[in-house]
C-alpha atoms as a PDB file:
ATOM      1  CA  UNK A   1     -28.452  36.249  37.630  1.00  0.00           C
ATOM      2  CA  UNK A   2     -25.658  37.282  35.415  1.00  0.00           C
ATOM      3  CA  UNK A   3     -22.154  36.570  36.837  1.00  0.00           C
ATOM      4  CA  UNK A   4     -19.344  37.742  35.190  1.00  0.00           C
ATOM      5  CA  UNK A   5     -16.231  36.444  35.983  1.00  0.00           C
ATOM      6  CA  UNK A   6     -12.664  38.062  35.320  1.00  0.00           C
ATOM      7  CA  UNK A   7      -9.617  36.281  35.319  1.00  0.00           C
ATOM      8  CA  UNK A   8      -6.043  38.306  35.068  1.00  0.00           C
ATOM      9  CA  UNK A   9      -2.333  37.606  35.795  1.00  0.00           C
ATOM     10  CA  UNK A  10      -0.987  38.101  39.034  1.00  0.00           C
ATOM     11  CA  UNK A  11       0.967  40.805  39.686  1.00  0.00           C
ATOM     12  CA  UNK A  12       4.600  38.529  40.293  1.00  0.00           C
ATOM     13  CA  UNK A  13       4.083  37.291  36.505  1.00  0.00           C
ATOM     14  CA  UNK A  14       4.183  38.563  33.240  1.00  0.00           C
ATOM     15  CA  UNK A  15       1.352  39.610  31.123  1.00  0.00           C
ATOM     16  CA  UNK A  16       2.465  38.450  27.656  1.00  0.00           C
ATOM     17  CA  UNK A  17      -0.722  39.200  25.841  1.00  0.00           C
ATOM     18  CA  UNK A  18      -0.644  42.796  27.537  1.00  0.00           C
ATOM     19  CA  UNK A  19       3.135  43.067  26.240  1.00  0.00           C
ATOM     20  CA  UNK A  20       2.500  42.220  22.938  1.00  0.00           C
ATOM     21  CA  UNK A  21      -0.498  44.681  22.755  1.00  0.00           C
ATOM     22  CA  UNK A  22       1.239  47.323  23.968  1.00  0.00           C
ATOM     23  CA  UNK A  23       4.342  46.641  20.920  1.00  0.00           C
ATOM     24  CA  UNK A  24       1.676  46.546  18.401  1.00  0.00           C
ATOM     25  CA  UNK A  25      -0.366  49.544  19.908  1.00  0.00           C
ATOM     26  CA  UNK A  26       3.176  51.481  19.302  1.00  0.00           C
ATOM     27  CA  UNK A  27       3.276  50.162  15.703  1.00  0.00           C
ATOM     28  CA  UNK A  28       0.051  52.121  14.442  1.00  0.00           C
ATOM     29  CA  UNK A  29       1.592  55.639  15.661  1.00  0.00           C
ATOM     30  CA  UNK A  30       0.319  55.628  19.321  1.00  0.00           C
ATOM     31  CA  UNK A  31       3.094  56.343  21.733  1.00  0.00           C
ATOM     32  CA  UNK A  32       1.180  57.142  24.926  1.00  0.00           C
ATOM     33  CA  UNK A  33       0.390  53.870  26.410  1.00  0.00           C
ATOM     34  CA  UNK A  34       2.660  52.510  28.411  1.00  0.00           C
ATOM     35  CA  UNK A  35       1.005  49.268  29.540  1.00  0.00           C
ATOM     36  CA  UNK A  36      -1.840  46.982  28.993  1.00  0.00           C
ATOM     37  CA  UNK A  37      -3.666  44.648  31.215  1.00  0.00           C
ATOM     38  CA  UNK A  38      -5.421  41.857  29.481  1.00  0.00           C
ATOM     39  CA  UNK A  39      -8.199  40.175  31.637  1.00  0.00           C
ATOM     40  CA  UNK A  40     -10.484  37.172  30.366  1.00  0.00           C
ATOM     41  CA  UNK A  41     -13.896  37.665  30.976  1.00  0.00           C
ATOM     42  CA  UNK A  42     -17.259  35.078  31.595  1.00  0.00           C
ATOM     43  CA  UNK A  43     -20.503  35.815  31.264  1.00  0.00           C
ATOM     44  CA  UNK A  44     -22.874  33.399  32.611  1.00  0.00           C
ATOM     45  CA  UNK A  45     -25.841  34.067  32.667  1.00  0.00           C
ATOM     46  CA  UNK A  46     -28.329  31.392  34.806  1.00  0.00           C
ATOM     47  CA  UNK A  47     -29.745  30.116  38.296  1.00  0.00           C
ATOM     48  CA  UNK A  48     -26.565  29.403  39.779  1.00  0.00           C
ATOM     49  CA  UNK A  49     -25.304  30.331  43.207  1.00  0.00           C
ATOM     50  CA  UNK A  50     -22.485  32.512  44.440  1.00  0.00           C
ATOM     51  CA  UNK A  51     -20.753  29.536  45.831  1.00  0.00           C
ATOM     52  CA  UNK A  52     -21.461  27.913  42.067  1.00  0.00           C
ATOM     53  CA  UNK A  53     -19.907  30.918  40.599  1.00  0.00           C
ATOM     54  CA  UNK A  54     -16.723  30.868  42.557  1.00  0.00           C
ATOM     55  CA  UNK A  55     -16.392  27.342  42.499  1.00  0.00           C
ATOM     56  CA  UNK A  56     -16.202  27.635  38.049  1.00  0.00           C
ATOM     57  CA  UNK A  57     -13.825  30.923  38.689  1.00  0.00           C
ATOM     58  CA  UNK A  58     -11.541  29.021  40.357  1.00  0.00           C
ATOM     59  CA  UNK A  59     -11.767  25.283  39.076  1.00  0.00           C
ATOM     60  CA  UNK A  60     -12.058  25.472  35.564  1.00  0.00           C
ATOM     61  CA  UNK A  61     -11.893  29.080  34.553  1.00  0.00           C
ATOM     62  CA  UNK A  62      -8.666  29.786  36.474  1.00  0.00           C
ATOM     63  CA  UNK A  63      -5.103  28.847  37.068  1.00  0.00           C
ATOM     64  CA  UNK A  64      -4.625  29.049  40.483  1.00  0.00           C
ATOM     65  CA  UNK A  65      -0.656  29.325  40.636  1.00  0.00           C
ATOM     66  CA  UNK A  66      -0.557  32.400  37.874  1.00  0.00           C
ATOM     67  CA  UNK A  67      -3.728  33.871  37.482  1.00  0.00           C
ATOM     68  CA  UNK A  68      -6.484  35.548  40.105  1.00  0.00           C
ATOM     69  CA  UNK A  69      -9.938  35.850  39.100  1.00  0.00           C
ATOM     70  CA  UNK A  70     -12.427  38.192  40.131  1.00  0.00           C
ATOM     71  CA  UNK A  71     -16.715  37.020  40.175  1.00  0.00           C
ATOM     72  CA  UNK A  72     -19.056  40.077  39.883  1.00  0.00           C
ATOM     73  CA  UNK A  73     -23.059  39.357  40.132  1.00  0.00           C
ATOM     74  CA  UNK A  74     -25.580  41.294  38.318  1.00  0.00           C
ATOM     75  CA  UNK A  75     -29.309  41.129  38.446  1.00  0.00           C
ATOM     76  CA  UNK A  76     -29.049  42.921  34.916  1.00  0.00           C
ATOM     77  CA  UNK A  77     -26.161  43.253  32.594  1.00  0.00           C
ATOM     78  CA  UNK A  78     -27.472  46.766  32.239  1.00  0.00           C
ATOM     79  CA  UNK A  79     -25.699  47.942  35.633  1.00  0.00           C
ATOM     80  CA  UNK A  80     -22.344  46.984  35.132  1.00  0.00           C
ATOM     81  CA  UNK A  81     -20.055  49.803  34.793  1.00  0.00           C
ATOM     82  CA  UNK A  82     -17.130  49.854  32.608  1.00  0.00           C
ATOM     83  CA  UNK A  83     -13.472  50.158  34.005  1.00  0.00           C
ATOM     84  CA  UNK A  84     -11.868  54.073  32.845  1.00  0.00           C
ATOM     85  CA  UNK A  85      -9.271  53.084  29.973  1.00  0.00           C
ATOM     86  CA  UNK A  86     -10.489  50.269  28.801  1.00  0.00           C
ATOM     87  CA  UNK A  87     -11.929  48.318  26.284  1.00  0.00           C
ATOM     88  CA  UNK A  88     -14.317  45.304  26.344  1.00  0.00           C
ATOM     89  CA  UNK A  89     -14.682  42.616  23.306  1.00  0.00           C
ATOM     90  CA  UNK A  90     -17.497  40.516  22.525  1.00  0.00           C
ATOM     91  CA  UNK A  91     -18.691  38.448  20.048  1.00  0.00           C
ATOM     92  CA  UNK A  92     -21.872  39.837  18.295  1.00  0.00           C
ATOM     93  CA  UNK A  93     -25.279  38.079  18.399  1.00  0.00           C
ATOM     94  CA  UNK A  94     -25.518  35.233  16.449  1.00  0.00           C
ATOM     95  CA  UNK A  95     -21.550  34.466  15.997  1.00  0.00           C
ATOM     96  CA  UNK A  96     -20.437  30.954  17.348  1.00  0.00           C
ATOM     97  CA  UNK A  97     -18.447  31.644  20.397  1.00  0.00           C
ATOM     98  CA  UNK A  98     -16.680  28.280  20.625  1.00  0.00           C
ATOM     99  CA  UNK A  99     -15.354  28.598  24.029  1.00  0.00           C
ATOM    100  CA  UNK A 100     -18.000  29.373  25.883  1.00  0.00           C
ATOM    101  CA  UNK A 101     -19.431  26.018  24.253  1.00  0.00           C
ATOM    102  CA  UNK A 102     -16.693  24.843  25.776  1.00  0.00           C
ATOM    103  CA  UNK A 103     -17.141  26.072  29.148  1.00  0.00           C
ATOM    104  CA  UNK A 104     -20.991  25.242  29.157  1.00  0.00           C
ATOM    105  CA  UNK A 105     -19.700  21.627  28.899  1.00  0.00           C
ATOM    106  CA  UNK A 106     -17.151  21.658  31.484  1.00  0.00           C
ATOM    107  CA  UNK A 107     -19.616  23.270  34.015  1.00  0.00           C
ATOM    108  CA  UNK A 108     -21.790  20.637  33.712  1.00  0.00           C
ATOM    109  CA  UNK A 109     -19.000  18.082  33.839  1.00  0.00           C
ATOM    110  CA  UNK A 110     -18.254  19.891  37.104  1.00  0.00           C
ATOM    111  CA  UNK A 111     -21.545  18.514  38.459  1.00  0.00           C
ATOM    112  CA  UNK A 112     -23.411  21.605  37.318  1.00  0.00           C
ATOM    113  CA  UNK A 113     -26.649  20.856  35.754  1.00  0.00           C
ATOM    114  CA  UNK A 114     -28.470  24.378  35.699  1.00  0.00           C
ATOM    115  CA  UNK A 115     -29.335  25.673  32.079  1.00  0.00           C
ATOM    116  CA  UNK A 116     -26.846  28.231  31.129  1.00  0.00           C
ATOM    117  CA  UNK A 117     -25.680  30.973  28.698  1.00  0.00           C
ATOM    118  CA  UNK A 118     -21.975  31.467  28.399  1.00  0.00           C
ATOM    119  CA  UNK A 119     -20.396  34.380  26.682  1.00  0.00           C
ATOM    120  CA  UNK A 120     -16.652  35.030  26.786  1.00  0.00           C
ATOM    121  CA  UNK A 121     -15.420  38.177  25.626  1.00  0.00           C
ATOM    122  CA  UNK A 122     -11.676  40.190  26.494  1.00  0.00           C
ATOM    123  CA  UNK A 123     -11.034  42.873  28.511  1.00  0.00           C
ATOM    124  CA  UNK A 124      -8.026  45.354  27.919  1.00  0.00           C
ATOM    125  CA  UNK A 125      -7.077  48.331  30.308  1.00  0.00           C
ATOM    126  CA  UNK A 126      -4.612  50.637  29.447  1.00  0.00           C
ATOM    127  CA  UNK A 127      -2.235  52.749  31.523  1.00  0.00           C
ATOM    128  CA  UNK A 128      -0.081  55.649  30.031  1.00  0.00           C
ATOM    129  CA  UNK A 129      -1.076  59.376  29.217  1.00  0.00           C
ATOM    130  CA  UNK A 130      -3.401  61.439  27.517  1.00  0.00           C
ATOM    131  CA  UNK A 131      -5.676  58.100  26.874  1.00  0.00           C
ATOM    132  CA  UNK A 132      -8.622  59.583  25.132  1.00  0.00           C
ATOM    133  CA  UNK A 133     -11.750  57.759  23.787  1.00  0.00           C
ATOM    134  CA  UNK A 134     -10.753  58.173  20.049  1.00  0.00           C
ATOM    135  CA  UNK A 135      -6.720  56.414  20.906  1.00  0.00           C
ATOM    136  CA  UNK A 136      -9.055  53.896  22.215  1.00  0.00           C
ATOM    137  CA  UNK A 137     -11.474  53.542  19.270  1.00  0.00           C
ATOM    138  CA  UNK A 138      -8.095  53.359  16.536  1.00  0.00           C
ATOM    139  CA  UNK A 139      -6.885  50.838  19.280  1.00  0.00           C
ATOM    140  CA  UNK A 140      -9.973  48.681  19.032  1.00  0.00           C
ATOM    141  CA  UNK A 141     -10.701  48.399  15.743  1.00  0.00           C
ATOM    142  CA  UNK A 142      -7.038  48.471  14.403  1.00  0.00           C
ATOM    143  CA  UNK A 143      -5.518  45.526  16.847  1.00  0.00           C
ATOM    144  CA  UNK A 144      -8.041  44.048  19.220  1.00  0.00           C
ATOM    145  CA  UNK A 145     -11.793  43.680  17.715  1.00  0.00           C
ATOM    146  CA  UNK A 146     -12.958  42.326  14.208  1.00  0.00           C
ATOM    147  CA  UNK A 147     -15.484  44.558  13.678  1.00  0.00           C
ATOM    148  CA  UNK A 148     -16.924  41.697  11.313  1.00  0.00           C
ATOM    149  CA  UNK A 149     -18.034  39.091  13.956  1.00  0.00           C
ATOM    150  CA  UNK A 150     -16.753  41.632  17.021  1.00  0.00           C
ATOM    151  CA  UNK A 151     -18.353  44.431  19.266  1.00  0.00           C
ATOM    152  CA  UNK A 152     -15.774  46.585  21.737  1.00  0.00           C
ATOM    153  CA  UNK A 153     -17.004  48.881  23.946  1.00  0.00           C
ATOM    154  CA  UNK A 154     -15.239  51.723  25.598  1.00  0.00           C
ATOM    155  CA  UNK A 155     -15.040  53.801  28.848  1.00  0.00           C
END
């Protein structure tokens, strides 16, 4: 089973990463983006239960005071649907993801001993006028992804 855990700033708190990206987008000449929401994504592939995935999200991957999390479950990753007006950034296969290695170790420290594969990614959700794939590609390639080591998905 594949679990995808999304961690985002709660509505009552400032999203500094999102605000910073809006400023950067303006600097590359795109004026139509009014806000960006940043979401950390953890893809966990392995034989764990829904309860264990929620435990990992709550106790390890999110700050219960300032962040909310959502756990999504897929039989295969191809079942996943991307959010409209969003860009996801992931490390390319073969590139070392040091955060994922730390997450695996921390999960084992929580007492979950199953063999897991973890990948970390980032999702950026855009609000504004006239958002289209061309603008999102410009934002992705100029600001969000290092295309030598990362790939991006646009919706």
